[in-house]
């Protein structure tokens, strides 16, 4: 997995006003990356 994709997750969490929204965004992003990377 590309570490740059993980950095994007942290940026989303830091800039989100809601921990729940950040978690949802993180899960969605990871699921997308996993699908694209076929891991």
N, C-alpha and C. Protein backbone atom coordinates (compact mmCIF):
# COMPACT_ATOMS: atom_id res chain seq x y z
N UNK A 1 0.85 -1.20 0.00
CA UNK A 1 0.00 0.00 0.00
C UNK A 1 0.88 1.25 0.00
N UNK A 2 0.46 2.25 -0.74
CA UNK A 2 1.21 3.50 -0.83
C UNK A 2 1.01 4.32 0.43
N UNK A 3 2.12 4.69 1.08
CA UNK A 3 2.02 5.47 2.32
C UNK A 3 1.36 6.82 2.11
N UNK A 4 1.44 7.37 0.90
CA UNK A 4 0.80 8.65 0.62
C UNK A 4 -0.71 8.57 0.79
N UNK A 5 -1.29 7.41 0.54
CA UNK A 5 -2.73 7.24 0.70
C UNK A 5 -3.09 7.30 2.18
N UNK A 6 -2.20 6.82 3.04
CA UNK A 6 -2.46 6.87 4.48
C UNK A 6 -2.40 8.31 4.97
N UNK A 7 -1.51 9.10 4.40
CA UNK A 7 -1.40 10.51 4.78
C UNK A 7 -2.72 11.22 4.51
N UNK A 8 -3.36 10.89 3.38
CA UNK A 8 -4.65 11.50 3.04
C UNK A 8 -5.68 11.22 4.13
N UNK A 9 -5.66 10.00 4.68
CA UNK A 9 -6.60 9.64 5.74
C UNK A 9 -6.41 10.53 6.96
N UNK A 10 -5.15 10.74 7.35
CA UNK A 10 -4.88 11.57 8.52
C UNK A 10 -5.32 13.01 8.29
N UNK A 11 -5.12 13.50 7.08
CA UNK A 11 -5.55 14.86 6.76
C UNK A 11 -7.06 14.99 6.88
N UNK A 12 -7.79 13.97 6.42
CA UNK A 12 -9.24 13.99 6.50
C UNK A 12 -9.68 14.04 7.97
N UNK A 13 -9.05 13.23 8.80
CA UNK A 13 -9.41 13.17 10.22
C UNK A 13 -9.12 14.52 10.89
N UNK A 14 -7.98 15.12 10.60
CA UNK A 14 -7.58 16.36 11.25
C UNK A 14 -8.49 17.53 10.85
N UNK A 15 -9.00 17.52 9.64
CA UNK A 15 -9.78 18.65 9.15
C UNK A 15 -11.27 18.46 9.36
N UNK A 16 -11.68 17.28 9.81
CA UNK A 16 -13.11 17.02 10.00
C UNK A 16 -13.57 17.54 11.34
N UNK A 17 -14.76 18.14 11.35
CA UNK A 17 -15.32 18.64 12.59
C UNK A 17 -15.97 17.54 13.41
N UNK A 18 -16.16 16.39 12.82
CA UNK A 18 -16.84 15.29 13.51
C UNK A 18 -16.01 14.03 13.44
N UNK A 19 -15.80 13.42 14.59
CA UNK A 19 -15.02 12.19 14.63
C UNK A 19 -15.73 11.09 13.84
N UNK A 20 -17.04 11.08 13.91
CA UNK A 20 -17.81 10.06 13.18
C UNK A 20 -17.64 10.25 11.67
N UNK A 21 -17.74 11.49 11.23
CA UNK A 21 -17.56 11.77 9.80
C UNK A 21 -16.15 11.38 9.35
N UNK A 22 -15.17 11.66 10.20
CA UNK A 22 -13.79 11.32 9.87
C UNK A 22 -13.63 9.81 9.76
N UNK A 23 -14.28 9.09 10.67
CA UNK A 23 -14.19 7.63 10.65
C UNK A 23 -14.83 7.07 9.38
N UNK A 24 -15.99 7.59 9.03
CA UNK A 24 -16.68 7.14 7.82
C UNK A 24 -15.83 7.43 6.59
N UNK A 25 -15.24 8.62 6.54
CA UNK A 25 -14.40 8.98 5.40
C UNK A 25 -13.18 8.06 5.33
N UNK A 26 -12.61 7.75 6.49
CA UNK A 26 -11.44 6.89 6.55
C UNK A 26 -11.78 5.49 6.06
N UNK A 27 -12.88 4.94 6.56
CA UNK A 27 -13.29 3.59 6.16
C UNK A 27 -13.59 3.54 4.66
N UNK A 28 -14.28 4.55 4.17
CA UNK A 28 -14.62 4.59 2.74
C UNK A 28 -13.35 4.66 1.89
N UNK A 29 -12.40 5.48 2.34
CA UNK A 29 -11.15 5.65 1.60
C UNK A 29 -10.35 4.35 1.59
N UNK A 30 -10.25 3.72 2.76
CA UNK A 30 -9.49 2.47 2.86
C UNK A 30 -10.15 1.39 2.01
N UNK A 31 -11.48 1.32 2.04
CA UNK A 31 -12.18 0.33 1.24
C UNK A 31 -11.93 0.56 -0.25
N UNK A 32 -11.91 1.82 -0.66
CA UNK A 32 -11.66 2.15 -2.05
C UNK A 32 -10.23 1.77 -2.45
N UNK A 33 -9.27 2.12 -1.59
CA UNK A 33 -7.88 1.80 -1.88
C UNK A 33 -7.69 0.29 -1.95
N UNK A 34 -8.31 -0.43 -1.01
CA UNK A 34 -8.17 -1.89 -1.00
C UNK A 34 -8.74 -2.49 -2.28
N UNK A 35 -9.84 -1.95 -2.74
CA UNK A 35 -10.47 -2.45 -3.97
C UNK A 35 -9.58 -2.17 -5.19
N UNK A 36 -9.06 -0.96 -5.27
CA UNK A 36 -8.23 -0.59 -6.41
C UNK A 36 -6.91 -1.37 -6.41
N UNK A 37 -6.35 -1.54 -5.21
CA UNK A 37 -5.06 -2.22 -5.09
C UNK A 37 -5.20 -3.74 -5.09
N UNK A 38 -6.44 -4.22 -4.96
CA UNK A 38 -6.72 -5.66 -4.94
C UNK A 38 -5.98 -6.36 -3.81
N UNK A 39 -6.04 -5.77 -2.62
CA UNK A 39 -5.38 -6.39 -1.46
C UNK A 39 -6.43 -7.07 -0.58
